[in-house]
Amino acid sequence: MHVRSFEAEQWFALSQEELFVFLADAANLEAITPAFLNFQIVTPLPIVISEGTLIDYKLRVRGIPVRWRSKITAWRPPSRFVDEQVRGPYRLWIHEHILEPLDGGTVMRDRVRYALWFDFVTAPFVRGDIEAIFKYRRNMLRARLHGKCR
């Protein structure tokens, strides 16, 4: 299995605690996910997140309906959490969110490790999709958090 990676970083004029509270609210995930994914949380809200929490979603990947289940495998407020795909379109999906104080605010680092089915065919398309999703997310976080980021 060929494991690939993606990283993104964004700074916020918020404390770690303030940013973690926003990110810990699963309802905010729909708002920061691009419309082309038709993303919906299936698990009833509100979701109390902790290590071991399972969250179910429906989405479309390139128009194909997909069910996705994530498990929170690490939960360390206010500095880190990890969600891993239990069921979904990837062979492997591990998304680590790291929040660290920096320059009077907080930097959020996203580290994603993923593996694909039919990697040699799908890799270029999937990488472009991941980049588009995180670019959208960056812009929506800026808008939702009222410009308190760069």
C-alpha atoms as a PDB file:
ATOM      1  CA  MET A   1       0.000   0.000   0.000  1.00  0.00           C
ATOM      2  CA  HIS A   2       1.432   3.359  -1.048  1.00  0.00           C
ATOM      3  CA  VAL A   3       0.732   5.950   1.682  1.00  0.00           C
ATOM      4  CA  ARG A   4       0.576   9.551   0.503  1.00  0.00           C
ATOM      5  CA  SER A   5       0.472  12.730   2.571  1.00  0.00           C
ATOM      6  CA  PHE A   6      -0.963  16.216   2.458  1.00  0.00           C
ATOM      7  CA  GLU A   7      -0.260  19.108   4.822  1.00  0.00           C
ATOM      8  CA  ALA A   8      -1.869  22.504   5.297  1.00  0.00           C
ATOM      9  CA  GLU A   9      -1.357  25.296   7.805  1.00  0.00           C
ATOM     10  CA  GLN A  10      -3.413  28.321   8.815  1.00  0.00           C
ATOM     11  CA  TRP A  11      -2.947  30.971  11.514  1.00  0.00           C
ATOM     12  CA  PHE A  12      -5.842  32.343  13.602  1.00  0.00           C
ATOM     13  CA  ALA A  13      -6.079  35.349  15.913  1.00  0.00           C
ATOM     14  CA  LEU A  14      -7.768  33.069  18.434  1.00  0.00           C
ATOM     15  CA  SER A  15      -6.543  31.123  21.431  1.00  0.00           C
ATOM     16  CA  GLN A  16      -6.069  27.368  21.142  1.00  0.00           C
ATOM     17  CA  GLU A  17      -9.148  26.918  23.318  1.00  0.00           C
ATOM     18  CA  GLU A  18     -11.354  29.161  21.147  1.00  0.00           C
ATOM     19  CA  LEU A  19     -10.276  27.468  17.932  1.00  0.00           C
ATOM     20  CA  PHE A  20     -10.593  23.982  19.417  1.00  0.00           C
ATOM     21  CA  VAL A  21     -14.181  24.710  20.515  1.00  0.00           C
ATOM     22  CA  PHE A  22     -15.068  25.672  16.935  1.00  0.00           C
ATOM     23  CA  LEU A  23     -13.386  22.598  15.447  1.00  0.00           C
ATOM     24  CA  ALA A  24     -14.863  20.270  18.094  1.00  0.00           C
ATOM     25  CA  ASP A  25     -18.397  21.145  17.015  1.00  0.00           C
ATOM     26  CA  ALA A  26     -19.166  18.569  14.316  1.00  0.00           C
ATOM     27  CA  ALA A  27     -21.978  20.788  12.995  1.00  0.00           C
ATOM     28  CA  ASN A  28     -19.317  23.211  11.716  1.00  0.00           C
ATOM     29  CA  LEU A  29     -17.877  20.538   9.426  1.00  0.00           C
ATOM     30  CA  GLU A  30     -20.705  20.826   6.898  1.00  0.00           C
ATOM     31  CA  ALA A  31     -20.204  24.588   6.680  1.00  0.00           C
ATOM     32  CA  ILE A  32     -16.499  24.298   5.824  1.00  0.00           C
ATOM     33  CA  THR A  33     -16.863  21.462   3.270  1.00  0.00           C
ATOM     34  CA  PRO A  34     -17.340  22.317  -0.427  1.00  0.00           C
ATOM     35  CA  ALA A  35     -20.816  21.900  -1.922  1.00  0.00           C
ATOM     36  CA  PHE A  36     -19.505  19.612  -4.687  1.00  0.00           C
ATOM     37  CA  LEU A  37     -19.136  16.874  -2.047  1.00  0.00           C
ATOM     38  CA  ASN A  38     -22.835  17.029  -1.004  1.00  0.00           C
ATOM     39  CA  PHE A  39     -21.538  16.398   2.504  1.00  0.00           C
ATOM     40  CA  GLN A  40     -24.041  15.530   5.233  1.00  0.00           C
ATOM     41  CA  ILE A  41     -23.536  14.339   8.773  1.00  0.00           C
ATOM     42  CA  VAL A  42     -25.767  11.306   9.370  1.00  0.00           C
ATOM     43  CA  THR A  43     -25.027  10.901  13.077  1.00  0.00           C
ATOM     44  CA  PRO A  44     -27.645  12.883  15.046  1.00  0.00           C
ATOM     45  CA  LEU A  45     -26.446  16.236  16.364  1.00  0.00           C
ATOM     46  CA  PRO A  46     -25.205  17.384  18.763  1.00  0.00           C
ATOM     47  CA  ILE A  47     -22.287  14.959  18.814  1.00  0.00           C
ATOM     48  CA  VAL A  48     -20.253  14.851  22.000  1.00  0.00           C
ATOM     49  CA  ILE A  49     -16.755  14.168  20.734  1.00  0.00           C
ATOM     50  CA  SER A  50     -14.146  12.239  22.668  1.00  0.00           C
ATOM     51  CA  GLU A  51     -11.638   9.517  21.912  1.00  0.00           C
ATOM     52  CA  GLY A  52     -13.529   6.620  20.341  1.00  0.00           C
ATOM     53  CA  THR A  53     -16.453   8.682  19.000  1.00  0.00           C
ATOM     54  CA  LEU A  54     -17.819   7.393  15.684  1.00  0.00           C
ATOM     55  CA  ILE A  55     -19.322   9.853  13.189  1.00  0.00           C
ATOM     56  CA  ASP A  56     -21.192   8.840  10.031  1.00  0.00           C
ATOM     57  CA  TYR A  57     -21.439  10.971   6.883  1.00  0.00           C
ATOM     58  CA  LYS A  58     -22.910  10.811   3.401  1.00  0.00           C
ATOM     59  CA  LEU A  59     -21.138  12.529   0.532  1.00  0.00           C
ATOM     60  CA  ARG A  60     -20.461  12.287  -3.173  1.00  0.00           C
ATOM     61  CA  VAL A  61     -16.996  11.670  -4.562  1.00  0.00           C
ATOM     62  CA  ARG A  62     -16.931  12.714  -8.224  1.00  0.00           C
ATOM     63  CA  GLY A  63     -20.708  12.194  -8.259  1.00  0.00           C
ATOM     64  CA  ILE A  64     -20.627   8.726  -6.688  1.00  0.00           C
ATOM     65  CA  PRO A  65     -22.578   8.390  -3.414  1.00  0.00           C
ATOM     66  CA  VAL A  66     -20.365   7.299  -0.536  1.00  0.00           C
ATOM     67  CA  ARG A  67     -20.909   6.503   3.116  1.00  0.00           C
ATOM     68  CA  TRP A  68     -18.039   7.463   5.397  1.00  0.00           C
ATOM     69  CA  ARG A  69     -17.483   6.605   9.036  1.00  0.00           C
ATOM     70  CA  SER A  70     -14.779   8.341  11.066  1.00  0.00           C
ATOM     71  CA  LYS A  71     -13.452   7.402  14.455  1.00  0.00           C
ATOM     72  CA  ILE A  72     -11.781   9.897  16.750  1.00  0.00           C
ATOM     73  CA  THR A  73      -8.579   8.063  17.661  1.00  0.00           C
ATOM     74  CA  ALA A  74      -6.901  10.868  19.617  1.00  0.00           C
ATOM     75  CA  TRP A  75      -8.589  13.679  21.561  1.00  0.00           C
ATOM     76  CA  ARG A  76      -6.290  16.100  23.392  1.00  0.00           C
ATOM     77  CA  PRO A  77      -8.060  19.446  23.925  1.00  0.00           C
ATOM     78  CA  PRO A  78      -7.000  22.104  23.138  1.00  0.00           C
ATOM     79  CA  SER A  79      -3.980  21.006  21.136  1.00  0.00           C
ATOM     80  CA  ARG A  80      -4.697  17.937  18.999  1.00  0.00           C
ATOM     81  CA  PHE A  81      -7.198  15.474  17.644  1.00  0.00           C
ATOM     82  CA  VAL A  82      -7.134  12.754  15.022  1.00  0.00           C
ATOM     83  CA  ASP A  83      -9.938  11.332  12.928  1.00  0.00           C
ATOM     84  CA  GLU A  84      -9.494   8.101  10.996  1.00  0.00           C
ATOM     85  CA  GLN A  85     -11.699   6.632   8.330  1.00  0.00           C
ATOM     86  CA  VAL A  86     -13.263   3.367   9.486  1.00  0.00           C
ATOM     87  CA  ARG A  87     -15.376   2.994   6.339  1.00  0.00           C
ATOM     88  CA  GLY A  88     -15.202   5.073   3.184  1.00  0.00           C
ATOM     89  CA  PRO A  89     -13.574   5.646  -0.186  1.00  0.00           C
ATOM     90  CA  TYR A  90      -9.916   5.436   0.895  1.00  0.00           C
ATOM     91  CA  ARG A  91      -7.796   2.437   1.785  1.00  0.00           C
ATOM     92  CA  LEU A  92      -6.402   4.641   4.554  1.00  0.00           C
ATOM     93  CA  TRP A  93      -7.330   8.125   5.788  1.00  0.00           C
ATOM     94  CA  ILE A  94      -5.802   9.575   8.939  1.00  0.00           C
ATOM     95  CA  HIS A  95      -6.314  13.303   9.534  1.00  0.00           C
ATOM     96  CA  GLU A  96      -4.360  14.884  12.371  1.00  0.00           C
ATOM     97  CA  HIS A  97      -5.315  18.386  13.548  1.00  0.00           C
ATOM     98  CA  ILE A  98      -2.613  20.143  15.564  1.00  0.00           C
ATOM     99  CA  LEU A  99      -3.154  23.513  17.264  1.00  0.00           C
ATOM    100  CA  GLU A 100      -0.167  25.425  18.656  1.00  0.00           C
ATOM    101  CA  PRO A 101       0.222  28.937  20.073  1.00  0.00           C
ATOM    102  CA  LEU A 102       2.046  31.266  17.676  1.00  0.00           C
ATOM    103  CA  ASP A 103       2.451  35.048  17.448  1.00  0.00           C
ATOM    104  CA  GLY A 104      -0.372  35.828  19.873  1.00  0.00           C
ATOM    105  CA  GLY A 105      -2.791  33.424  18.162  1.00  0.00           C
ATOM    106  CA  THR A 106      -2.926  29.798  17.115  1.00  0.00           C
ATOM    107  CA  VAL A 107      -1.569  27.959  14.112  1.00  0.00           C
ATOM    108  CA  MET A 108      -3.573  24.960  12.949  1.00  0.00           C
ATOM    109  CA  ARG A 109      -1.673  22.272  11.093  1.00  0.00           C
ATOM    110  CA  ASP A 110      -3.537  19.594   9.175  1.00  0.00           C
ATOM    111  CA  ARG A 111      -1.623  16.419   8.398  1.00  0.00           C
ATOM    112  CA  VAL A 112      -3.355  13.843   6.280  1.00  0.00           C
ATOM    113  CA  ARG A 113      -1.989  10.410   5.462  1.00  0.00           C
ATOM    114  CA  TYR A 114      -3.996   8.527   2.891  1.00  0.00           C
ATOM    115  CA  ALA A 115      -3.848   5.526   0.608  1.00  0.00           C
ATOM    116  CA  LEU A 116      -5.964   4.894  -2.452  1.00  0.00           C
ATOM    117  CA  TRP A 117      -7.554   2.008  -4.206  1.00  0.00           C
ATOM    118  CA  PHE A 118      -6.022   1.741  -7.699  1.00  0.00           C
ATOM    119  CA  ASP A 119      -3.412   4.305  -6.681  1.00  0.00           C
ATOM    120  CA  PHE A 120      -1.658   4.420 -10.058  1.00  0.00           C
ATOM    121  CA  VAL A 121      -4.892   5.539 -11.767  1.00  0.00           C
ATOM    122  CA  THR A 122      -6.619   7.643  -9.111  1.00  0.00           C
ATOM    123  CA  ALA A 123      -3.726   9.500  -7.404  1.00  0.00           C
ATOM    124  CA  PRO A 124      -3.607  12.613  -9.653  1.00  0.00           C
ATOM    125  CA  PHE A 125      -7.372  13.156  -9.409  1.00  0.00           C
ATOM    126  CA  VAL A 126      -7.561  12.559  -5.681  1.00  0.00           C
ATOM    127  CA  ARG A 127      -4.637  14.887  -4.890  1.00  0.00           C
ATOM    128  CA  GLY A 128      -6.365  17.678  -6.832  1.00  0.00           C
ATOM    129  CA  ASP A 129      -9.623  17.039  -4.978  1.00  0.00           C
ATOM    130  CA  ILE A 130      -7.885  17.122  -1.582  1.00  0.00           C
ATOM    131  CA  GLU A 131      -6.149  20.389  -2.469  1.00  0.00           C
ATOM    132  CA  ALA A 132      -9.474  21.911  -3.580  1.00  0.00           C
ATOM    133  CA  ILE A 133     -11.227  20.767  -0.395  1.00  0.00           C
ATOM    134  CA  PHE A 134      -8.576  22.266   1.866  1.00  0.00           C
ATOM    135  CA  LYS A 135      -8.456  25.512  -0.137  1.00  0.00           C
ATOM    136  CA  TYR A 136     -12.220  25.846   0.260  1.00  0.00           C
ATOM    137  CA  ARG A 137     -11.938  24.991   3.939  1.00  0.00           C
ATOM    138  CA  ARG A 138      -9.256  27.654   4.420  1.00  0.00           C
ATOM    139  CA  ASN A 139     -11.483  30.308   2.823  1.00  0.00           C
ATOM    140  CA  MET A 140     -14.565  29.229   4.769  1.00  0.00           C
ATOM    141  CA  LEU A 141     -12.683  29.252   8.074  1.00  0.00           C
ATOM    142  CA  ARG A 142     -11.554  32.789   7.274  1.00  0.00           C
ATOM    143  CA  ALA A 143     -15.167  33.806   6.561  1.00  0.00           C
ATOM    144  CA  ARG A 144     -16.744  31.920   9.483  1.00  0.00           C
ATOM    145  CA  LEU A 145     -14.208  33.177  11.989  1.00  0.00           C
ATOM    146  CA  HIS A 146     -14.638  36.771  10.789  1.00  0.00           C
ATOM    147  CA  GLY A 147     -11.199  37.314   9.340  1.00  0.00           C
ATOM    148  CA  LYS A 148      -9.421  36.173  12.488  1.00  0.00           C
ATOM    149  CA  CYS A 149      -6.997  34.167  10.391  1.00  0.00           C
ATOM    150  CA  ARG A 150      -4.564  34.514   7.552  1.00  0.00           C
END
